[in-house]
Amino acid sequence: MSRPPVIRPYRPGDRAAVYDVCVRTAHLGGDSRHIYPDPDLMPSIFAGPYLHLEPDLAFVLDNGERAVGYILGTADTAAFVEAFRASWLPTLVDRFPLPDGPPSTPSEEMIDLMHHPERMLVPEVEDYPAHLHIDLLPAYQRQGHGRALMRTFLDALRRKGVANVHLAMVTANTPARAFYDRLGFHEIPVPDPGPLTYLGRSTDWNAS
C-alpha cells in the first residue's frame, strides 16, 4: 500500500523530477512540451536557478518514488537577480543564446526573458521582497498539497525574517488565481503588467 505524499526539503537527486514537473505544468498549469521543444528551457528559467542559488528554500512533495510537486523561491528578489546574472545565466548562454532581433517563437520569447532577469525588479512589489513558484502534477492537485507546500515555504521565509512575499502569475490561468485567492494573496497593482498579475501576502500564515 503506497503511503500518502509527504513534504520534505529538496535534495540534489530531485532535480530531474523537479524539472519534469516544471515542464508538465508550465503552460497555464498544463503540459508545455508541445510549445517549448527543449525540455530544459522552462526549468532553466523558473526552477533551476532557485535550486542552484537558494536550495534551502526549495521543498518537494514526495509520493514515495519521486517529487511530484514543489515550491521554491528566493528571500530577496534583488539579490537573486544579481546572482542569476552573475552565476546562473553564464551556464546557459551557449545552449540558449539571445535571439537576433525580436523573439519570433514561444521559445525565443522565453529565452529573451532568461537573458533579462532584471524584469523581476518591479518597483510596486519592493515591499514584498521574496517571491515564489509552486507547481504540482495534475494528479496531486486539489488535495491540500498546494496549501501545505505554501505553508512550509512561508514558514521558512518567516524564520529568515522576511515579512512579505509576492508572485507573478499568468493572468489567463484562472484556476491558479482562485488557488492563491483562497490562500490569502491579494493583487498588487502594477502599471502595464503585460500578461501577468502580481499577487502578495504576509509570510505570517495566520494573517489574512
N, C-alpha and C. Protein backbone atom coordinates (compact mmCIF):
# COMPACT_ATOMS: atom_id res chain seq x y z
N MET A 1 0.86 -1.20 0.00
CA MET A 1 0.00 0.00 0.00
C MET A 1 0.89 1.24 0.00
N SER A 2 0.67 2.13 -0.94
CA SER A 2 1.51 3.32 -1.05
C SER A 2 1.16 4.29 0.07
N ARG A 3 2.20 5.00 0.55
CA ARG A 3 1.98 5.97 1.63
C ARG A 3 1.52 7.30 1.04
N PRO A 4 0.88 8.12 1.84
CA PRO A 4 0.49 9.45 1.34
C PRO A 4 1.73 10.27 1.01
N PRO A 5 1.63 11.16 0.05
CA PRO A 5 2.78 12.03 -0.27
C PRO A 5 3.18 12.87 0.94
N VAL A 6 4.47 13.13 1.04
CA VAL A 6 4.98 13.94 2.15
C VAL A 6 5.79 15.10 1.60
N ILE A 7 5.83 16.18 2.35
CA ILE A 7 6.65 17.35 2.00
C ILE A 7 7.98 17.24 2.73
N ARG A 8 9.04 17.47 2.01
CA ARG A 8 10.38 17.42 2.60
C ARG A 8 11.28 18.43 1.88
N PRO A 9 12.42 18.76 2.46
CA PRO A 9 13.36 19.65 1.78
C PRO A 9 13.87 19.04 0.48
N TYR A 10 14.15 19.89 -0.48
CA TYR A 10 14.74 19.48 -1.75
C TYR A 10 16.10 18.84 -1.52
N ARG A 11 16.40 17.80 -2.32
CA ARG A 11 17.72 17.18 -2.35
C ARG A 11 18.22 17.19 -3.79
N PRO A 12 19.54 17.23 -4.00
CA PRO A 12 20.06 17.29 -5.37
C PRO A 12 19.52 16.19 -6.28
N GLY A 13 19.22 15.04 -5.73
CA GLY A 13 18.69 13.95 -6.54
C GLY A 13 17.29 14.19 -7.06
N ASP A 14 16.63 15.24 -6.57
CA ASP A 14 15.27 15.58 -7.02
C ASP A 14 15.26 16.43 -8.28
N ARG A 15 16.44 16.87 -8.72
CA ARG A 15 16.48 17.88 -9.78
C ARG A 15 15.73 17.45 -11.03
N ALA A 16 15.94 16.23 -11.50
CA ALA A 16 15.27 15.77 -12.73
C ALA A 16 13.75 15.76 -12.56
N ALA A 17 13.28 15.33 -11.41
CA ALA A 17 11.84 15.28 -11.18
C ALA A 17 11.26 16.69 -11.09
N VAL A 18 11.97 17.60 -10.45
CA VAL A 18 11.50 18.99 -10.37
C VAL A 18 11.42 19.59 -11.77
N TYR A 19 12.45 19.34 -12.58
CA TYR A 19 12.42 19.84 -13.96
C TYR A 19 11.22 19.26 -14.71
N ASP A 20 10.94 17.98 -14.51
CA ASP A 20 9.82 17.33 -15.19
C ASP A 20 8.49 17.95 -14.77
N VAL A 21 8.32 18.19 -13.48
CA VAL A 21 7.09 18.83 -13.01
C VAL A 21 6.95 20.21 -13.62
N CYS A 22 8.05 20.95 -13.68
CA CYS A 22 8.00 22.28 -14.26
C CYS A 22 7.51 22.23 -15.71
N VAL A 23 8.07 21.33 -16.49
CA VAL A 23 7.70 21.21 -17.90
C VAL A 23 6.23 20.83 -18.05
N ARG A 24 5.76 19.94 -17.20
CA ARG A 24 4.39 19.43 -17.33
C ARG A 24 3.33 20.37 -16.75
N THR A 25 3.77 21.49 -16.20
CA THR A 25 2.82 22.45 -15.63
C THR A 25 3.07 23.88 -16.13
N ALA A 26 3.98 24.05 -17.08
CA ALA A 26 4.44 25.40 -17.45
C ALA A 26 3.51 26.14 -18.40
N HIS A 27 2.51 25.49 -18.95
CA HIS A 27 1.58 26.18 -19.84
C HIS A 27 0.22 26.27 -19.17
N LEU A 28 -0.01 27.37 -18.47
CA LEU A 28 -1.27 27.60 -17.76
C LEU A 28 -1.62 26.43 -16.85
N GLY A 29 -0.60 25.86 -16.22
CA GLY A 29 -0.79 24.75 -15.32
C GLY A 29 -0.77 23.39 -16.00
N GLY A 30 -0.63 23.36 -17.33
CA GLY A 30 -0.63 22.10 -18.07
C GLY A 30 0.68 21.86 -18.80
N ASP A 31 0.74 20.78 -19.52
CA ASP A 31 1.96 20.34 -20.21
C ASP A 31 2.40 21.37 -21.25
N SER A 32 3.69 21.67 -21.25
CA SER A 32 4.21 22.70 -22.17
C SER A 32 5.08 22.12 -23.27
N ARG A 33 5.20 20.80 -23.35
CA ARG A 33 6.17 20.21 -24.28
C ARG A 33 5.83 20.48 -25.74
N HIS A 34 4.55 20.68 -26.05
CA HIS A 34 4.17 20.95 -27.44
C HIS A 34 4.47 22.40 -27.83
N ILE A 35 4.80 23.23 -26.85
CA ILE A 35 5.09 24.65 -27.13
C ILE A 35 6.58 24.92 -27.08
N TYR A 36 7.27 24.30 -26.12
CA TYR A 36 8.71 24.52 -25.94
C TYR A 36 9.42 23.18 -26.10
N PRO A 37 9.97 22.92 -27.30
CA PRO A 37 10.53 21.59 -27.58
C PRO A 37 11.70 21.19 -26.68
N ASP A 38 12.52 22.14 -26.25
CA ASP A 38 13.66 21.80 -25.40
C ASP A 38 13.16 21.65 -23.96
N PRO A 39 13.25 20.45 -23.39
CA PRO A 39 12.68 20.23 -22.05
C PRO A 39 13.42 20.95 -20.93
N ASP A 40 14.58 21.51 -21.22
CA ASP A 40 15.32 22.23 -20.18
C ASP A 40 15.03 23.73 -20.17
N LEU A 41 14.32 24.23 -21.19
CA LEU A 41 14.15 25.67 -21.30
C LEU A 41 13.37 26.26 -20.13
N MET A 42 12.15 25.83 -19.93
CA MET A 42 11.34 26.43 -18.88
C MET A 42 11.94 26.19 -17.48
N PRO A 43 12.41 24.97 -17.17
CA PRO A 43 13.03 24.78 -15.86
C PRO A 43 14.28 25.62 -15.65
N SER A 44 15.00 25.91 -16.73
CA SER A 44 16.21 26.72 -16.59
C SER A 44 15.90 28.16 -16.20
N ILE A 45 14.66 28.58 -16.39
CA ILE A 45 14.23 29.92 -16.01
C ILE A 45 13.50 29.91 -14.67
N PHE A 46 12.61 28.94 -14.49
CA PHE A 46 11.66 29.00 -13.39
C PHE A 46 11.89 27.99 -12.27
N ALA A 47 12.89 27.13 -12.39
CA ALA A 47 13.17 26.15 -11.33
C ALA A 47 14.66 26.07 -11.03
N GLY A 48 15.47 25.80 -12.06
CA GLY A 48 16.89 25.57 -11.86
C GLY A 48 17.63 26.63 -11.09
N PRO A 49 17.43 27.92 -11.40
CA PRO A 49 18.20 28.93 -10.68
C PRO A 49 17.90 28.96 -9.18
N TYR A 50 16.69 28.65 -8.80
CA TYR A 50 16.34 28.63 -7.38
C TYR A 50 16.98 27.43 -6.69
N LEU A 51 16.97 26.28 -7.36
CA LEU A 51 17.62 25.10 -6.80
C LEU A 51 19.11 25.33 -6.63
N HIS A 52 19.69 26.06 -7.56
CA HIS A 52 21.13 26.32 -7.54
C HIS A 52 21.51 27.40 -6.53
N LEU A 53 20.73 28.48 -6.48
CA LEU A 53 21.10 29.63 -5.69
C LEU A 53 20.54 29.60 -4.26
N GLU A 54 19.35 29.05 -4.07
CA GLU A 54 18.74 29.04 -2.74
C GLU A 54 18.06 27.69 -2.47
N PRO A 55 18.84 26.61 -2.46
CA PRO A 55 18.23 25.29 -2.26
C PRO A 55 17.55 25.13 -0.90
N ASP A 56 17.93 25.96 0.08
CA ASP A 56 17.29 25.86 1.39
C ASP A 56 15.86 26.38 1.38
N LEU A 57 15.46 27.03 0.29
CA LEU A 57 14.07 27.48 0.14
C LEU A 57 13.33 26.67 -0.92
N ALA A 58 13.76 25.44 -1.12
CA ALA A 58 13.09 24.54 -2.07
C ALA A 58 12.57 23.33 -1.31
N PHE A 59 11.30 23.02 -1.53
CA PHE A 59 10.65 21.89 -0.87
C PHE A 59 9.87 21.10 -1.92
N VAL A 60 9.82 19.79 -1.75
CA VAL A 60 9.13 18.94 -2.72
C VAL A 60 8.05 18.12 -2.05
N LEU A 61 7.07 17.74 -2.86
CA LEU A 61 6.05 16.77 -2.45
C LEU A 61 6.52 15.43 -3.01
N ASP A 62 6.79 14.49 -2.12
CA ASP A 62 7.37 13.19 -2.48
C ASP A 62 6.30 12.12 -2.32
N ASN A 63 6.02 11.38 -3.41
CA ASN A 63 5.00 10.33 -3.35
C ASN A 63 5.57 8.96 -2.99
N GLY A 64 6.82 8.94 -2.56
CA GLY A 64 7.47 7.69 -2.21
C GLY A 64 8.37 7.16 -3.30
N GLU A 65 8.20 7.69 -4.51
CA GLU A 65 9.03 7.30 -5.64
C GLU A 65 9.81 8.48 -6.21
N ARG A 66 9.22 9.68 -6.17
CA ARG A 66 9.84 10.85 -6.77
C ARG A 66 9.11 12.11 -6.32
N ALA A 67 9.67 13.25 -6.65
CA ALA A 67 8.99 14.51 -6.40
C ALA A 67 7.88 14.69 -7.44
N VAL A 68 6.69 14.99 -6.97
CA VAL A 68 5.52 15.19 -7.85
C VAL A 68 4.99 16.62 -7.74
N GLY A 69 5.67 17.42 -6.97
CA GLY A 69 5.32 18.82 -6.82
C GLY A 69 6.44 19.52 -6.10
N TYR A 70 6.40 20.85 -6.12
CA TYR A 70 7.45 21.60 -5.44
C TYR A 70 6.98 23.02 -5.17
N ILE A 71 7.69 23.66 -4.24
CA ILE A 71 7.62 25.10 -4.06
C ILE A 71 9.05 25.57 -3.86
N LEU A 72 9.40 26.66 -4.50
CA LEU A 72 10.75 27.19 -4.39
C LEU A 72 10.72 28.69 -4.63
N GLY A 73 11.80 29.36 -4.30
CA GLY A 73 11.81 30.80 -4.48
C GLY A 73 13.04 31.42 -3.86
N THR A 74 12.92 32.69 -3.58
CA THR A 74 14.02 33.45 -3.02
C THR A 74 13.51 34.33 -1.88
N ALA A 75 14.38 34.60 -0.92
CA ALA A 75 14.04 35.50 0.17
C ALA A 75 14.25 36.95 -0.21
N ASP A 76 15.05 37.21 -1.26
CA ASP A 76 15.42 38.57 -1.64
C ASP A 76 15.52 38.65 -3.15
N THR A 77 14.48 39.17 -3.78
CA THR A 77 14.43 39.20 -5.24
C THR A 77 15.58 39.98 -5.83
N ALA A 78 15.93 41.12 -5.27
CA ALA A 78 17.01 41.94 -5.83
C ALA A 78 18.34 41.19 -5.81
N ALA A 79 18.64 40.53 -4.69
CA ALA A 79 19.87 39.76 -4.60
C ALA A 79 19.84 38.56 -5.55
N PHE A 80 18.67 37.96 -5.70
CA PHE A 80 18.53 36.82 -6.60
C PHE A 80 18.81 37.23 -8.04
N VAL A 81 18.29 38.39 -8.45
CA VAL A 81 18.52 38.86 -9.81
C VAL A 81 20.01 39.05 -10.07
N GLU A 82 20.71 39.62 -9.12
CA GLU A 82 22.16 39.81 -9.27
C GLU A 82 22.87 38.47 -9.40
N ALA A 83 22.50 37.51 -8.56
CA ALA A 83 23.14 36.19 -8.60
C ALA A 83 22.78 35.44 -9.87
N PHE A 84 21.55 35.60 -10.33
CA PHE A 84 21.12 34.96 -11.58
C PHE A 84 22.02 35.42 -12.72
N ARG A 85 22.22 36.73 -12.83
CA ARG A 85 23.04 37.25 -13.91
C ARG A 85 24.51 36.86 -13.75
N ALA A 86 25.01 36.88 -12.54
CA ALA A 86 26.43 36.64 -12.32
C ALA A 86 26.83 35.18 -12.40
N SER A 87 25.99 34.28 -11.88
CA SER A 87 26.44 32.89 -11.77
C SER A 87 25.54 31.85 -12.42
N TRP A 88 24.29 32.22 -12.75
CA TRP A 88 23.41 31.23 -13.39
C TRP A 88 23.34 31.44 -14.90
N LEU A 89 23.11 32.66 -15.33
CA LEU A 89 22.99 32.93 -16.76
C LEU A 89 24.22 32.49 -17.55
N PRO A 90 25.45 32.68 -17.05
CA PRO A 90 26.62 32.24 -17.82
C PRO A 90 26.63 30.74 -18.14
N THR A 91 25.92 29.93 -17.34
CA THR A 91 25.89 28.49 -17.61
C THR A 91 24.91 28.14 -18.73
N LEU A 92 24.10 29.12 -19.18
CA LEU A 92 23.04 28.85 -20.15
C LEU A 92 23.27 29.48 -21.52
N VAL A 93 24.18 30.46 -21.60
CA VAL A 93 24.25 31.28 -22.82
C VAL A 93 24.65 30.47 -24.05
N ASP A 94 25.44 29.43 -23.88
CA ASP A 94 25.82 28.63 -25.05
C ASP A 94 24.64 27.82 -25.58
N ARG A 95 23.85 27.27 -24.69
CA ARG A 95 22.70 26.47 -25.12
C ARG A 95 21.53 27.33 -25.54
N PHE A 96 21.36 28.47 -24.85
CA PHE A 96 20.23 29.34 -25.13
C PHE A 96 20.73 30.75 -25.43
N PRO A 97 21.36 30.96 -26.57
CA PRO A 97 21.85 32.32 -26.90
C PRO A 97 20.70 33.28 -27.11
N LEU A 98 20.96 34.54 -26.83
CA LEU A 98 19.95 35.57 -27.04
C LEU A 98 19.60 35.65 -28.52
N PRO A 99 18.31 35.62 -28.87
CA PRO A 99 17.92 35.67 -30.28
C PRO A 99 18.39 36.96 -30.96
N ASP A 100 18.70 36.85 -32.25
CA ASP A 100 19.00 38.04 -33.04
C ASP A 100 17.68 38.71 -33.42
N GLY A 101 17.49 39.91 -32.98
CA GLY A 101 16.25 40.60 -33.30
C GLY A 101 15.14 40.21 -32.34
N PRO A 102 13.94 40.74 -32.57
CA PRO A 102 12.79 40.45 -31.71
C PRO A 102 12.46 38.96 -31.70
N PRO A 103 12.04 38.41 -30.56
CA PRO A 103 11.65 37.00 -30.50
C PRO A 103 10.51 36.69 -31.47
N SER A 104 10.61 35.55 -32.15
CA SER A 104 9.59 35.21 -33.14
C SER A 104 8.89 33.88 -32.86
N THR A 105 9.31 33.18 -31.81
CA THR A 105 8.67 31.92 -31.42
C THR A 105 8.47 31.93 -29.91
N PRO A 106 7.59 31.05 -29.39
CA PRO A 106 7.44 30.98 -27.93
C PRO A 106 8.77 30.69 -27.22
N SER A 107 9.59 29.81 -27.80
CA SER A 107 10.88 29.52 -27.16
C SER A 107 11.77 30.75 -27.12
N GLU A 108 11.80 31.49 -28.22
CA GLU A 108 12.62 32.69 -28.24
C GLU A 108 12.11 33.74 -27.25
N GLU A 109 10.81 33.80 -27.04
CA GLU A 109 10.27 34.73 -26.05
C GLU A 109 10.77 34.37 -24.66
N MET A 110 10.80 33.07 -24.36
CA MET A 110 11.28 32.64 -23.05
C MET A 110 12.78 32.84 -22.91
N ILE A 111 13.52 32.61 -23.97
CA ILE A 111 14.96 32.84 -23.92
C ILE A 111 15.26 34.31 -23.69
N ASP A 112 14.45 35.17 -24.31
CA ASP A 112 14.62 36.60 -24.09
C ASP A 112 14.38 36.94 -22.62
N LEU A 113 13.38 36.34 -22.00
CA LEU A 113 13.14 36.55 -20.57
C LEU A 113 14.34 36.07 -19.75
N MET A 114 14.87 34.92 -20.12
CA MET A 114 16.02 34.36 -19.42
C MET A 114 17.18 35.35 -19.38
N HIS A 115 17.41 36.02 -20.49
CA HIS A 115 18.55 36.93 -20.59
C HIS A 115 18.30 38.30 -19.96
N HIS A 116 17.10 38.50 -19.44
CA HIS A 116 16.76 39.78 -18.82
C HIS A 116 16.16 39.56 -17.44
N PRO A 117 16.94 39.04 -16.51
CA PRO A 117 16.39 38.78 -15.18
C PRO A 117 15.94 40.03 -14.45
N GLU A 118 16.44 41.19 -14.87
CA GLU A 118 16.03 42.44 -14.23
C GLU A 118 14.54 42.72 -14.39
N ARG A 119 13.85 41.97 -15.26
CA ARG A 119 12.41 42.10 -15.40
C ARG A 119 11.70 41.80 -14.07
N MET A 120 12.39 41.06 -13.19
CA MET A 120 11.80 40.72 -11.89
C MET A 120 11.81 41.88 -10.91
N LEU A 121 12.54 42.92 -11.23
CA LEU A 121 12.63 44.08 -10.33
C LEU A 121 11.50 45.05 -10.64
N VAL A 122 10.40 44.84 -10.00
CA VAL A 122 9.19 45.63 -10.21
C VAL A 122 9.00 46.54 -9.00
N PRO A 123 9.08 47.86 -9.18
CA PRO A 123 9.03 48.77 -8.02
C PRO A 123 7.83 48.56 -7.12
N GLU A 124 6.69 48.23 -7.70
CA GLU A 124 5.47 48.11 -6.91
C GLU A 124 5.50 46.93 -5.94
N VAL A 125 6.42 45.99 -6.12
CA VAL A 125 6.47 44.84 -5.21
C VAL A 125 7.67 44.89 -4.27
N GLU A 126 8.33 46.04 -4.18
CA GLU A 126 9.51 46.15 -3.33
C GLU A 126 9.22 45.85 -1.87
N ASP A 127 7.99 46.09 -1.43
CA ASP A 127 7.63 45.78 -0.05
C ASP A 127 7.37 44.29 0.16
N TYR A 128 7.48 43.52 -0.91
CA TYR A 128 7.29 42.06 -0.87
C TYR A 128 8.57 41.42 -1.43
N PRO A 129 9.68 41.47 -0.69
CA PRO A 129 11.00 41.15 -1.27
C PRO A 129 11.17 39.70 -1.72
N ALA A 130 10.48 38.78 -1.10
CA ALA A 130 10.59 37.38 -1.50
C ALA A 130 9.64 37.10 -2.66
N HIS A 131 9.95 36.08 -3.44
CA HIS A 131 8.96 35.59 -4.42
C HIS A 131 9.07 34.09 -4.56
N LEU A 132 8.08 33.48 -5.18
CA LEU A 132 7.99 32.02 -5.19
C LEU A 132 7.41 31.49 -6.49
N HIS A 133 7.62 30.18 -6.70
CA HIS A 133 6.97 29.40 -7.75
C HIS A 133 6.49 28.10 -7.11
N ILE A 134 5.28 27.69 -7.42
CA ILE A 134 4.73 26.45 -6.89
C ILE A 134 4.06 25.69 -8.03
N ASP A 135 4.33 24.39 -8.13
CA ASP A 135 3.73 23.56 -9.18
C ASP A 135 3.52 22.15 -8.67
N LEU A 136 2.41 21.55 -9.08
CA LEU A 136 2.06 20.18 -8.74
C LEU A 136 1.57 19.46 -9.99
N LEU A 137 1.97 18.21 -10.15
CA LEU A 137 1.40 17.42 -11.24
C LEU A 137 -0.12 17.34 -11.05
N PRO A 138 -0.89 17.30 -12.14
CA PRO A 138 -2.35 17.34 -12.03
C PRO A 138 -2.94 16.31 -11.08
N ALA A 139 -2.38 15.11 -11.04
CA ALA A 139 -2.93 14.05 -10.19
C ALA A 139 -2.83 14.37 -8.70
N TYR A 140 -2.01 15.36 -8.35
CA TYR A 140 -1.81 15.70 -6.95
C TYR A 140 -2.38 17.07 -6.59
N GLN A 141 -3.12 17.67 -7.51
CA GLN A 141 -3.75 18.95 -7.24
C GLN A 141 -5.11 18.75 -6.57
N ARG A 142 -5.59 19.83 -5.94
CA ARG A 142 -6.91 19.86 -5.29
C ARG A 142 -7.04 18.81 -4.18
N GLN A 143 -5.94 18.54 -3.50
CA GLN A 143 -5.94 17.58 -2.39
C GLN A 143 -5.33 18.17 -1.12
N GLY A 144 -5.08 19.48 -1.14
CA GLY A 144 -4.50 20.12 0.02
C GLY A 144 -2.99 20.19 0.01
N HIS A 145 -2.35 19.56 -0.99
CA HIS A 145 -0.89 19.56 -1.02
C HIS A 145 -0.32 20.95 -1.32
N GLY A 146 -1.00 21.68 -2.20
CA GLY A 146 -0.52 23.02 -2.52
C GLY A 146 -0.57 23.93 -1.30
N ARG A 147 -1.64 23.85 -0.54
CA ARG A 147 -1.75 24.64 0.69
C ARG A 147 -0.63 24.28 1.66
N ALA A 148 -0.37 22.97 1.81
CA ALA A 148 0.67 22.53 2.73
C ALA A 148 2.06 22.98 2.27
N LEU A 149 2.31 22.91 0.96
CA LEU A 149 3.59 23.40 0.44
C LEU A 149 3.73 24.90 0.71
N MET A 150 2.67 25.65 0.49
CA MET A 150 2.73 27.09 0.71
C MET A 150 3.03 27.40 2.17
N ARG A 151 2.39 26.72 3.07
CA ARG A 151 2.64 26.99 4.49
C ARG A 151 4.09 26.66 4.85
N THR A 152 4.61 25.58 4.30
CA THR A 152 6.00 25.21 4.56
C THR A 152 6.95 26.32 4.10
N PHE A 153 6.68 26.85 2.90
CA PHE A 153 7.54 27.89 2.34
C PHE A 153 7.43 29.19 3.13
N LEU A 154 6.21 29.60 3.46
CA LEU A 154 6.03 30.84 4.20
C LEU A 154 6.68 30.75 5.57
N ASP A 155 6.58 29.60 6.21
CA ASP A 155 7.22 29.43 7.50
C ASP A 155 8.74 29.54 7.37
N ALA A 156 9.30 29.00 6.29
CA ALA A 156 10.75 29.08 6.07
C ALA A 156 11.17 30.54 5.87
N LEU A 157 10.38 31.29 5.11
CA LEU A 157 10.68 32.71 4.92
C LEU A 157 10.60 33.47 6.24
N ARG A 158 9.60 33.17 7.01
CA ARG A 158 9.42 33.88 8.28
C ARG A 158 10.60 33.62 9.21
N ARG A 159 11.11 32.40 9.22
CA ARG A 159 12.29 32.09 10.04
C ARG A 159 13.51 32.89 9.59
N LYS A 160 13.53 33.30 8.34
CA LYS A 160 14.62 34.13 7.82
C LYS A 160 14.39 35.62 8.07
N GLY A 161 13.27 35.95 8.68
CA GLY A 161 12.97 37.34 8.97
C GLY A 161 12.33 38.10 7.83
N VAL A 162 11.78 37.38 6.84
CA VAL A 162 11.12 38.00 5.69
C VAL A 162 9.64 38.17 5.99
N ALA A 163 9.14 39.39 5.85
CA ALA A 163 7.76 39.67 6.26
C ALA A 163 6.73 39.44 5.17
N ASN A 164 7.11 39.67 3.88
CA ASN A 164 6.14 39.60 2.80
C ASN A 164 6.72 38.89 1.58
N VAL A 165 5.85 38.30 0.79
CA VAL A 165 6.25 37.56 -0.40
C VAL A 165 5.30 37.90 -1.54
N HIS A 166 5.81 37.84 -2.77
CA HIS A 166 4.94 38.05 -3.93
C HIS A 166 5.15 36.94 -4.95
N LEU A 167 4.30 36.92 -5.94
CA LEU A 167 4.44 36.02 -7.08
C LEU A 167 3.87 36.72 -8.29
N ALA A 168 4.31 36.29 -9.45
CA ALA A 168 3.78 36.78 -10.72
C ALA A 168 3.16 35.60 -11.45
N MET A 169 1.90 35.68 -11.76
CA MET A 169 1.21 34.58 -12.43
C MET A 169 0.65 35.06 -13.76
N VAL A 170 0.53 34.13 -14.69
CA VAL A 170 -0.10 34.44 -15.97
C VAL A 170 -1.59 34.70 -15.71
N THR A 171 -2.05 35.85 -16.07
CA THR A 171 -3.42 36.26 -15.76
C THR A 171 -4.46 35.27 -16.29
N ALA A 172 -4.17 34.66 -17.43
CA ALA A 172 -5.14 33.74 -18.04
C ALA A 172 -5.31 32.45 -17.24
N ASN A 173 -4.43 32.18 -16.29
CA ASN A 173 -4.51 30.94 -15.52
C ASN A 173 -5.48 31.14 -14.36
N THR A 174 -6.75 31.14 -14.67
CA THR A 174 -7.76 31.44 -13.66
C THR A 174 -7.84 30.41 -12.52
N PRO A 175 -7.61 29.12 -12.75
CA PRO A 175 -7.60 28.20 -11.61
C PRO A 175 -6.50 28.53 -10.61
N ALA A 176 -5.33 28.95 -11.11
CA ALA A 176 -4.25 29.34 -10.20
C ALA A 176 -4.65 30.56 -9.38
N ARG A 177 -5.30 31.52 -10.02
CA ARG A 177 -5.72 32.73 -9.29
C ARG A 177 -6.69 32.35 -8.17
N ALA A 178 -7.60 31.45 -8.43
CA ALA A 178 -8.55 31.03 -7.40
C ALA A 178 -7.81 30.37 -6.23
N PHE A 179 -6.78 29.59 -6.54
CA PHE A 179 -5.98 28.95 -5.50
C PHE A 179 -5.30 29.99 -4.63
N TYR A 180 -4.66 30.97 -5.27
CA TYR A 180 -3.95 31.99 -4.49
C TYR A 180 -4.92 32.85 -3.69
N ASP A 181 -6.08 33.14 -4.25
CA ASP A 181 -7.07 33.91 -3.50
C ASP A 181 -7.47 33.17 -2.23
N ARG A 182 -7.65 31.87 -2.33
CA ARG A 182 -8.02 31.08 -1.14
C ARG A 182 -6.93 31.11 -0.08
N LEU A 183 -5.70 31.30 -0.50
CA LEU A 183 -4.58 31.31 0.44
C LEU A 183 -4.24 32.71 0.95
N GLY A 184 -5.09 33.67 0.67
CA GLY A 184 -4.92 34.98 1.26
C GLY A 184 -4.05 35.94 0.48
N PHE A 185 -3.71 35.62 -0.76
CA PHE A 185 -2.97 36.56 -1.58
C PHE A 185 -3.90 37.65 -2.08
N HIS A 186 -3.36 38.84 -2.26
CA HIS A 186 -4.13 39.95 -2.82
C HIS A 186 -3.37 40.53 -4.01
N GLU A 187 -4.10 41.17 -4.89
CA GLU A 187 -3.47 41.73 -6.09
C GLU A 187 -2.68 42.99 -5.75
N ILE A 188 -1.51 43.10 -6.37
CA ILE A 188 -0.67 44.29 -6.24
C ILE A 188 -0.75 45.04 -7.56
N PRO A 189 -1.32 46.22 -7.59
CA PRO A 189 -1.45 46.96 -8.85
C PRO A 189 -0.07 47.31 -9.42
N VAL A 190 0.12 46.96 -10.68
CA VAL A 190 1.37 47.24 -11.39
C VAL A 190 1.00 47.86 -12.73
N PRO A 191 1.52 49.04 -13.05
CA PRO A 191 1.22 49.63 -14.36
C PRO A 191 1.74 48.77 -15.50
N ASP A 192 0.93 48.57 -16.49
CA ASP A 192 1.33 47.82 -17.69
C ASP A 192 2.01 46.49 -17.35
N PRO A 193 1.30 45.58 -16.67
CA PRO A 193 1.91 44.32 -16.26
C PRO A 193 2.02 43.29 -17.38
N GLY A 194 1.53 43.62 -18.58
CA GLY A 194 1.56 42.65 -19.66
C GLY A 194 0.64 41.48 -19.36
N PRO A 195 1.09 40.25 -19.62
CA PRO A 195 0.22 39.08 -19.40
C PRO A 195 0.19 38.60 -17.96
N LEU A 196 0.84 39.33 -17.06
CA LEU A 196 0.99 38.86 -15.69
C LEU A 196 0.08 39.61 -14.71
N THR A 197 -0.22 38.94 -13.62
CA THR A 197 -0.85 39.55 -12.46
C THR A 197 0.09 39.33 -11.28
N TYR A 198 0.31 40.38 -10.49
CA TYR A 198 1.18 40.29 -9.32
C TYR A 198 0.33 40.17 -8.07
N LEU A 199 0.67 39.20 -7.24
CA LEU A 199 -0.06 38.94 -6.01
C LEU A 199 0.92 38.93 -4.84
N GLY A 200 0.46 39.31 -3.67
CA GLY A 200 1.32 39.30 -2.50
C GLY A 200 0.56 38.98 -1.23
N ARG A 201 1.32 38.63 -0.20
CA ARG A 201 0.74 38.42 1.11
C ARG A 201 1.85 38.40 2.16
N SER A 202 1.45 38.42 3.41
CA SER A 202 2.38 38.30 4.52
C SER A 202 2.88 36.85 4.62
N THR A 203 4.08 36.69 5.18
CA THR A 203 4.57 35.33 5.42
C THR A 203 3.98 34.73 6.69
N ASP A 204 3.23 35.52 7.43
CA ASP A 204 2.54 35.01 8.62
C ASP A 204 1.32 34.22 8.16
N TRP A 205 1.35 32.94 8.32
CA TRP A 205 0.29 32.08 7.81
C TRP A 205 -1.08 32.48 8.33
N ASN A 206 -1.13 33.01 9.54
CA ASN A 206 -2.41 33.35 10.16
C ASN A 206 -2.92 34.72 9.75
N ALA A 207 -2.10 35.47 8.99
CA ALA A 207 -2.54 36.79 8.56
C ALA A 207 -3.46 36.66 7.36
N SER A 208 -4.43 37.54 7.24
CA SER A 208 -5.37 37.49 6.11
C SER A 208 -4.75 38.15 4.90
